[in-house]
């Protein structure tokens, strides 16, 4: 079974405002991922700009089939 991480997050922007996500799921390689790696992934994948703080909350690793296709899959 594949590994995924289930977590909540909050992103603050340096120019004001922010976004948050609850029960967000992300495919991962391996058995764990650091909060810093998760934060970086969210910012890069969502192409967020002017990011201040990113908080990762309620993180847990779950066994669940990956949803994203690999680069080589059609």
PDB file of N, CA and C in Angstrom:
ATOM      1  N   UNK A   1       0.840  -1.182   0.000  1.00  0.00           N
ATOM      2  CA  UNK A   1       0.000   0.000   0.000  1.00  0.00           C
ATOM      3  C   UNK A   1       0.885   1.245   0.000  1.00  0.00           C
ATOM      4  N   UNK A   2       0.476   2.259  -0.711  1.00  0.00           N
ATOM      5  CA  UNK A   2       1.222   3.511  -0.779  1.00  0.00           C
ATOM      6  C   UNK A   2       1.027   4.334   0.491  1.00  0.00           C
ATOM      7  N   UNK A   3       1.927   5.267   0.711  1.00  0.00           N
ATOM      8  CA  UNK A   3       1.853   6.160   1.875  1.00  0.00           C
ATOM      9  C   UNK A   3       1.382   7.544   1.423  1.00  0.00           C
ATOM     10  N   UNK A   4       0.535   8.136   2.243  1.00  0.00           N
ATOM     11  CA  UNK A   4       0.092   9.513   2.040  1.00  0.00           C
ATOM     12  C   UNK A   4       0.166  10.210   3.388  1.00  0.00           C
ATOM     13  N   UNK A   5       0.236  11.515   3.344  1.00  0.00           N
ATOM     14  CA  UNK A   5       0.200  12.283   4.576  1.00  0.00           C
ATOM     15  C   UNK A   5      -1.115  13.075   4.586  1.00  0.00           C
ATOM     16  N   UNK A   6      -1.780  13.042   5.713  1.00  0.00           N
ATOM     17  CA  UNK A   6      -3.040  13.753   5.931  1.00  0.00           C
ATOM     18  C   UNK A   6      -2.740  14.849   6.938  1.00  0.00           C
ATOM     19  N   UNK A   7      -3.072  16.112   6.617  1.00  0.00           N
ATOM     20  CA  UNK A   7      -2.697  17.214   7.500  1.00  0.00           C
ATOM     21  C   UNK A   7      -3.549  18.449   7.234  1.00  0.00           C
ATOM     22  N   UNK A   8      -3.503  19.371   8.173  1.00  0.00           N
ATOM     23  CA  UNK A   8      -4.085  20.692   8.026  1.00  0.00           C
ATOM     24  C   UNK A   8      -2.921  21.661   7.843  1.00  0.00           C
ATOM     25  N   UNK A   9      -3.186  22.809   7.202  1.00  0.00           N
ATOM     26  CA  UNK A   9      -2.131  23.811   7.072  1.00  0.00           C
ATOM     27  C   UNK A   9      -2.710  25.215   7.089  1.00  0.00           C
ATOM     28  N   UNK A  10      -1.853  26.153   7.477  1.00  0.00           N
ATOM     29  CA  UNK A  10      -2.170  27.583   7.443  1.00  0.00           C
ATOM     30  C   UNK A  10      -0.996  28.293   6.804  1.00  0.00           C
ATOM     31  N   UNK A  11      -1.283  29.164   5.851  1.00  0.00           N
ATOM     32  CA  UNK A  11      -0.254  29.955   5.188  1.00  0.00           C
ATOM     33  C   UNK A  11      -0.582  31.428   5.414  1.00  0.00           C
ATOM     34  N   UNK A  12       0.390  32.174   5.945  1.00  0.00           N
ATOM     35  CA  UNK A  12       0.251  33.620   6.092  1.00  0.00           C
ATOM     36  C   UNK A  12       1.065  34.296   4.996  1.00  0.00           C
ATOM     37  N   UNK A  13       0.503  35.357   4.421  1.00  0.00           N
ATOM     38  CA  UNK A  13       1.203  36.113   3.392  1.00  0.00           C
ATOM     39  C   UNK A  13       1.809  37.378   3.983  1.00  0.00           C
ATOM     40  N   UNK A  14       2.960  37.770   3.462  1.00  0.00           N
ATOM     41  CA  UNK A  14       3.656  38.940   3.996  1.00  0.00           C
ATOM     42  C   UNK A  14       2.918  40.241   3.674  1.00  0.00           C
ATOM     43  N   UNK A  15       2.039  40.224   2.680  1.00  0.00           N
ATOM     44  CA  UNK A  15       1.275  41.415   2.321  1.00  0.00           C
ATOM     45  C   UNK A  15      -0.142  41.378   2.910  1.00  0.00           C
ATOM     46  N   UNK A  16      -0.369  40.472   3.867  1.00  0.00           N
ATOM     47  CA  UNK A  16      -1.671  40.364   4.523  1.00  0.00           C
ATOM     48  C   UNK A  16      -2.462  39.171   4.007  1.00  0.00           C
ATOM     49  N   UNK A  17      -3.375  38.705   4.826  1.00  0.00           N
ATOM     50  CA  UNK A  17      -4.227  37.591   4.447  1.00  0.00           C
ATOM     51  C   UNK A  17      -3.537  36.252   4.598  1.00  0.00           C
ATOM     52  N   UNK A  18      -4.238  35.219   4.165  1.00  0.00           N
ATOM     53  CA  UNK A  18      -3.697  33.878   4.243  1.00  0.00           C
ATOM     54  C   UNK A  18      -4.686  32.865   3.699  1.00  0.00           C
ATOM     55  N   UNK A  19      -4.255  31.633   3.662  1.00  0.00           N
ATOM     56  CA  UNK A  19      -5.122  30.528   3.257  1.00  0.00           C
ATOM     57  C   UNK A  19      -4.919  29.377   4.233  1.00  0.00           C
ATOM     58  N   UNK A  20      -5.884  28.483   4.262  1.00  0.00           N
ATOM     59  CA  UNK A  20      -5.732  27.287   5.082  1.00  0.00           C
ATOM     60  C   UNK A  20      -6.408  26.116   4.397  1.00  0.00           C
ATOM     61  N   UNK A  21      -5.967  24.939   4.755  1.00  0.00           N
ATOM     62  CA  UNK A  21      -6.546  23.711   4.240  1.00  0.00           C
ATOM     63  C   UNK A  21      -6.743  22.724   5.372  1.00  0.00           C
ATOM     64  N   UNK A  22      -7.830  21.981   5.302  1.00  0.00           N
ATOM     65  CA  UNK A  22      -8.115  20.973   6.319  1.00  0.00           C
ATOM     66  C   UNK A  22      -8.195  19.603   5.665  1.00  0.00           C
ATOM     67  N   UNK A  23      -7.629  18.618   6.357  1.00  0.00           N
ATOM     68  CA  UNK A  23      -7.612  17.229   5.902  1.00  0.00           C
ATOM     69  C   UNK A  23      -7.066  17.105   4.485  1.00  0.00           C
ATOM     70  N   UNK A  24      -6.013  17.862   4.210  1.00  0.00           N
ATOM     71  CA  UNK A  24      -5.324  17.852   2.929  1.00  0.00           C
ATOM     72  C   UNK A  24      -4.543  16.555   2.835  1.00  0.00           C
ATOM     73  N   UNK A  25      -4.541  15.922   1.680  1.00  0.00           N
ATOM     74  CA  UNK A  25      -3.814  14.665   1.486  1.00  0.00           C
ATOM     75  C   UNK A  25      -2.776  14.838   0.407  1.00  0.00           C
ATOM     76  N   UNK A  26      -1.630  14.232   0.638  1.00  0.00           N
ATOM     77  CA  UNK A  26      -0.517  14.356  -0.289  1.00  0.00           C
ATOM     78  C   UNK A  26       0.207  13.020  -0.380  1.00  0.00           C
ATOM     79  N   UNK A  27       0.469  12.582  -1.606  1.00  0.00           N
ATOM     80  CA  UNK A  27       1.251  11.370  -1.816  1.00  0.00           C
ATOM     81  C   UNK A  27       2.684  11.624  -1.374  1.00  0.00           C
ATOM     82  N   UNK A  28       3.288  10.637  -0.699  1.00  0.00           N
ATOM     83  CA  UNK A  28       4.692  10.772  -0.295  1.00  0.00           C
ATOM     84  C   UNK A  28       5.443   9.491  -0.636  1.00  0.00           C
ATOM     85  N   UNK A  29       6.749   9.640  -0.776  1.00  0.00           N
ATOM     86  CA  UNK A  29       7.643   8.494  -0.928  1.00  0.00           C
ATOM     87  C   UNK A  29       8.214   8.220   0.448  1.00  0.00           C
ATOM     88  N   UNK A  30       8.206   6.995   0.871  1.00  0.00           N
ATOM     89  CA  UNK A  30       8.755   6.659   2.181  1.00  0.00           C
ATOM     90  C   UNK A  30       7.701   6.677   3.265  1.00  0.00           C
ATOM     91  N   UNK A  31       8.180   6.631   4.501  1.00  0.00           N
ATOM     92  CA  UNK A  31       7.290   6.495   5.646  1.00  0.00           C
ATOM     93  C   UNK A  31       7.035   7.782   6.408  1.00  0.00           C
ATOM     94  N   UNK A  32       7.682   8.893   6.020  1.00  0.00           N
ATOM     95  CA  UNK A  32       7.519  10.139   6.760  1.00  0.00           C
ATOM     96  C   UNK A  32       7.919  11.311   5.878  1.00  0.00           C
ATOM     97  N   UNK A  33       7.514  12.514   6.287  1.00  0.00           N
ATOM     98  CA  UNK A  33       7.904  13.750   5.623  1.00  0.00           C
ATOM     99  C   UNK A  33       7.938  14.831   6.696  1.00  0.00           C
ATOM    100  N   UNK A  34       8.932  15.683   6.641  1.00  0.00           N
ATOM    101  CA  UNK A  34       9.053  16.728   7.662  1.00  0.00           C
ATOM    102  C   UNK A  34       8.049  17.852   7.400  1.00  0.00           C
ATOM    103  N   UNK A  35       7.753  18.615   8.439  1.00  0.00           N
ATOM    104  CA  UNK A  35       6.872  19.768   8.290  1.00  0.00           C
ATOM    105  C   UNK A  35       7.461  20.768   7.300  1.00  0.00           C
ATOM    106  N   UNK A  36       8.778  20.931   7.331  1.00  0.00           N
ATOM    107  CA  UNK A  36       9.451  21.862   6.424  1.00  0.00           C
ATOM    108  C   UNK A  36       9.280  21.428   4.963  1.00  0.00           C
ATOM    109  N   UNK A  37       9.418  20.128   4.707  1.00  0.00           N
ATOM    110  CA  UNK A  37       9.224  19.618   3.339  1.00  0.00           C
ATOM    111  C   UNK A  37       7.781  19.815   2.882  1.00  0.00           C
ATOM    112  N   UNK A  38       6.822  19.555   3.782  1.00  0.00           N
ATOM    113  CA  UNK A  38       5.413  19.763   3.441  1.00  0.00           C
ATOM    114  C   UNK A  38       5.138  21.218   3.114  1.00  0.00           C
ATOM    115  N   UNK A  39       5.643  22.120   3.948  1.00  0.00           N
ATOM    116  CA  UNK A  39       5.445  23.553   3.723  1.00  0.00           C
ATOM    117  C   UNK A  39       6.015  23.964   2.367  1.00  0.00           C
ATOM    118  N   UNK A  40       7.229  23.511   2.063  1.00  0.00           N
ATOM    119  CA  UNK A  40       7.867  23.843   0.792  1.00  0.00           C
ATOM    120  C   UNK A  40       7.043  23.303  -0.382  1.00  0.00           C
ATOM    121  N   UNK A  41       6.533  22.091  -0.242  1.00  0.00           N
ATOM    122  CA  UNK A  41       5.745  21.490  -1.309  1.00  0.00           C
ATOM    123  C   UNK A  41       4.467  22.293  -1.570  1.00  0.00           C
ATOM    124  N   UNK A  42       3.772  22.680  -0.498  1.00  0.00           N
ATOM    125  CA  UNK A  42       2.537  23.458  -0.646  1.00  0.00           C
ATOM    126  C   UNK A  42       2.821  24.765  -1.386  1.00  0.00           C
ATOM    127  N   UNK A  43       3.831  25.484  -0.940  1.00  0.00           N
ATOM    128  CA  UNK A  43       4.169  26.781  -1.532  1.00  0.00           C
ATOM    129  C   UNK A  43       4.551  26.626  -3.001  1.00  0.00           C
ATOM    130  N   UNK A  44       5.398  25.649  -3.319  1.00  0.00           N
ATOM    131  CA  UNK A  44       5.850  25.461  -4.700  1.00  0.00           C
ATOM    132  C   UNK A  44       4.752  24.918  -5.598  1.00  0.00           C
ATOM    133  N   UNK A  45       4.011  23.919  -5.133  1.00  0.00           N
ATOM    134  CA  UNK A  45       2.991  23.287  -5.968  1.00  0.00           C
ATOM    135  C   UNK A  45       1.818  24.222  -6.248  1.00  0.00           C
ATOM    136  N   UNK A  46       1.489  25.077  -5.284  1.00  0.00           N
ATOM    137  CA  UNK A  46       0.388  26.024  -5.465  1.00  0.00           C
ATOM    138  C   UNK A  46       0.876  27.352  -6.043  1.00  0.00           C
ATOM    139  N   UNK A  47       2.199  27.437  -6.261  1.00  0.00           N
ATOM    140  CA  UNK A  47       2.822  28.638  -6.828  1.00  0.00           C
ATOM    141  C   UNK A  47       2.456  29.897  -6.046  1.00  0.00           C
ATOM    142  N   UNK A  48       2.571  29.793  -4.730  1.00  0.00           N
ATOM    143  CA  UNK A  48       2.248  30.915  -3.860  1.00  0.00           C
ATOM    144  C   UNK A  48       3.412  31.889  -3.798  1.00  0.00           C
ATOM    145  N   UNK A  49       3.087  33.165  -3.748  1.00  0.00           N
ATOM    146  CA  UNK A  49       4.087  34.219  -3.646  1.00  0.00           C
ATOM    147  C   UNK A  49       3.901  34.980  -2.345  1.00  0.00           C
ATOM    148  N   UNK A  50       4.939  35.674  -1.921  1.00  0.00           N
ATOM    149  CA  UNK A  50       4.903  36.526  -0.728  1.00  0.00           C
ATOM    150  C   UNK A  50       4.437  35.762   0.514  1.00  0.00           C
ATOM    151  N   UNK A  51       4.979  34.559   0.674  1.00  0.00           N
ATOM    152  CA  UNK A  51       4.609  33.692   1.788  1.00  0.00           C
ATOM    153  C   UNK A  51       5.426  34.052   3.017  1.00  0.00           C
ATOM    154  N   UNK A  52       4.738  34.192   4.138  1.00  0.00           N
ATOM    155  CA  UNK A  52       5.390  34.409   5.420  1.00  0.00           C
ATOM    156  C   UNK A  52       5.512  33.077   6.142  1.00  0.00           C
ATOM    157  N   UNK A  53       4.691  32.883   7.153  1.00  0.00           N
ATOM    158  CA  UNK A  53       4.709  31.633   7.922  1.00  0.00           C
ATOM    159  C   UNK A  53       3.817  30.575   7.286  1.00  0.00           C
ATOM    160  N   UNK A  54       4.277  29.325   7.403  1.00  0.00           N
ATOM    161  CA  UNK A  54       3.469  28.165   7.030  1.00  0.00           C
ATOM    162  C   UNK A  54       3.435  27.253   8.243  1.00  0.00           C
ATOM    163  N   UNK A  55       2.243  26.921   8.704  1.00  0.00           N
ATOM    164  CA  UNK A  55       2.089  26.013   9.839  1.00  0.00           C
ATOM    165  C   UNK A  55       1.449  24.708   9.358  1.00  0.00           C
ATOM    166  N   UNK A  56       2.039  23.605   9.776  1.00  0.00           N
ATOM    167  CA  UNK A  56       1.517  22.277   9.492  1.00  0.00           C
ATOM    168  C   UNK A  56       0.923  21.750  10.796  1.00  0.00           C
ATOM    169  N   UNK A  57      -0.324  21.292  10.740  1.00  0.00           N
ATOM    170  CA  UNK A  57      -1.040  20.859  11.936  1.00  0.00           C
ATOM    171  C   UNK A  57      -1.647  19.471  11.719  1.00  0.00           C
ATOM    172  N   UNK A  58      -1.786  18.731  12.795  1.00  0.00           N
ATOM    173  CA  UNK A  58      -2.511  17.439  12.782  1.00  0.00           C
ATOM    174  C   UNK A  58      -2.003  16.472  11.720  1.00  0.00           C
ATOM    175  N   UNK A  59      -0.702  16.409  11.536  1.00  0.00           N
ATOM    176  CA  UNK A  59      -0.106  15.559  10.494  1.00  0.00           C
ATOM    177  C   UNK A  59      -0.121  14.102  10.925  1.00  0.00           C
ATOM    178  N   UNK A  60      -0.564  13.238  10.011  1.00  0.00           N
ATOM    179  CA  UNK A  60      -0.421  11.798  10.244  1.00  0.00           C
ATOM    180  C   UNK A  60      -0.226  11.088   8.916  1.00  0.00           C
ATOM    181  N   UNK A  61       0.567  10.041   8.964  1.00  0.00           N
ATOM    182  CA  UNK A  61       0.857   9.229   7.783  1.00  0.00           C
ATOM    183  C   UNK A  61      -0.199   8.128   7.702  1.00  0.00           C
ATOM    184  N   UNK A  62      -0.758   7.953   6.511  1.00  0.00           N
ATOM    185  CA  UNK A  62      -1.798   6.937   6.318  1.00  0.00           C
ATOM    186  C   UNK A  62      -1.409   6.020   5.166  1.00  0.00           C
ATOM    187  N   UNK A  63      -1.956   4.815   5.178  1.00  0.00           N
ATOM    188  CA  UNK A  63      -1.799   3.875   4.069  1.00  0.00           C
ATOM    189  C   UNK A  63      -2.979   4.074   3.136  1.00  0.00           C
ATOM    190  N   UNK A  64      -2.687   4.541   1.938  1.00  0.00           N
ATOM    191  CA  UNK A  64      -3.740   4.805   0.966  1.00  0.00           C
ATOM    192  C   UNK A  64      -3.084   4.891  -0.407  1.00  0.00           C
ATOM    193  N   UNK A  65      -3.761   4.400  -1.407  1.00  0.00           N
ATOM    194  CA  UNK A  65      -3.222   4.409  -2.771  1.00  0.00           C
ATOM    195  C   UNK A  65      -2.946   5.836  -3.223  1.00  0.00           C
ATOM    196  N   UNK A  66      -1.797   6.024  -3.895  1.00  0.00           N
ATOM    197  CA  UNK A  66      -1.444   7.334  -4.447  1.00  0.00           C
ATOM    198  C   UNK A  66      -2.476   7.764  -5.482  1.00  0.00           C
ATOM    199  N   UNK A  67      -2.752   9.045  -5.522  1.00  0.00           N
ATOM    200  CA  UNK A  67      -3.742   9.601  -6.447  1.00  0.00           C
ATOM    201  C   UNK A  67      -3.112  10.240  -7.678  1.00  0.00           C
ATOM    202  N   UNK A  68      -1.940  10.836  -7.527  1.00  0.00           N
ATOM    203  CA  UNK A  68      -1.266  11.467  -8.663  1.00  0.00           C
ATOM    204  C   UNK A  68      -0.586  10.402  -9.508  1.00  0.00           C
ATOM    205  N   UNK A  69      -0.560  10.666 -10.796  1.00  0.00           N
ATOM    206  CA  UNK A  69       0.164   9.766 -11.699  1.00  0.00           C
ATOM    207  C   UNK A  69       1.642  10.057 -11.615  1.00  0.00           C
ATOM    208  N   UNK A  70       2.435   9.039 -11.806  1.00  0.00           N
ATOM    209  CA  UNK A  70       3.881   9.221 -11.909  1.00  0.00           C
ATOM    210  C   UNK A  70       4.186   9.910 -13.230  1.00  0.00           C
ATOM    211  N   UNK A  71       5.352  10.488 -13.346  1.00  0.00           N
ATOM    212  CA  UNK A  71       5.745  11.205 -14.555  1.00  0.00           C
ATOM    213  C   UNK A  71       5.676  10.334 -15.807  1.00  0.00           C
ATOM    214  N   UNK A  72       5.906   9.035 -15.685  1.00  0.00           N
ATOM    215  CA  UNK A  72       5.909   8.146 -16.835  1.00  0.00           C
ATOM    216  C   UNK A  72       4.561   7.538 -17.176  1.00  0.00           C
ATOM    217  N   UNK A  73       3.539   7.754 -16.383  1.00  0.00           N
ATOM    218  CA  UNK A  73       2.216   7.166 -16.629  1.00  0.00           C
ATOM    219  C   UNK A  73       1.407   8.028 -17.578  1.00  0.00           C
ATOM    220  N   UNK A  74       0.570   7.385 -18.381  1.00  0.00           N
ATOM    221  CA  UNK A  74      -0.331   8.114 -19.303  1.00  0.00           C
ATOM    222  C   UNK A  74      -1.705   8.237 -18.731  1.00  0.00           C
TER     223      UNK A  74
END
